[in-house]
Amino acid sequence: MLPKGQRKMGDAASRGLRRCAGCGMLKDKRDLIRVIRTKEGEILVDETQKKNGRGSYLCRSADCLEAAVKRRAFQRELRCSKDPDIYGQVRRIIEAGNE
């Protein structure tokens, strides 16, 4: 096992792949929506995918959003105890992309 911070070449994260919080599929991070929790505890959508904070990724699919809500994936991955109020904003982004 490699020390923390070192990755083998070919590792999914080093290739820009991230796992969807809803379906669990590995996809290119540019194709996913990133939701972050900042140090201040604010939960928001990171459209630039460059902001600091603990992140969770989601496919641009209503089915994946519903699965993430049902599994409480954002609470677990963002390590927050309360239900984040971000679902409406993510749903609007998904709907705008499907038009």
Foldseek 3Di string as FASTA:
>chain_A
DDPPPDDDPPPLVVVQWDAALQPRDTDRQLQWWKWFQDPVRDIDTDNVVPDDGQIHTHGLDPNSLVRNLVVVSCCVRRVNDDDDPCSVVSVVVSVVVVD
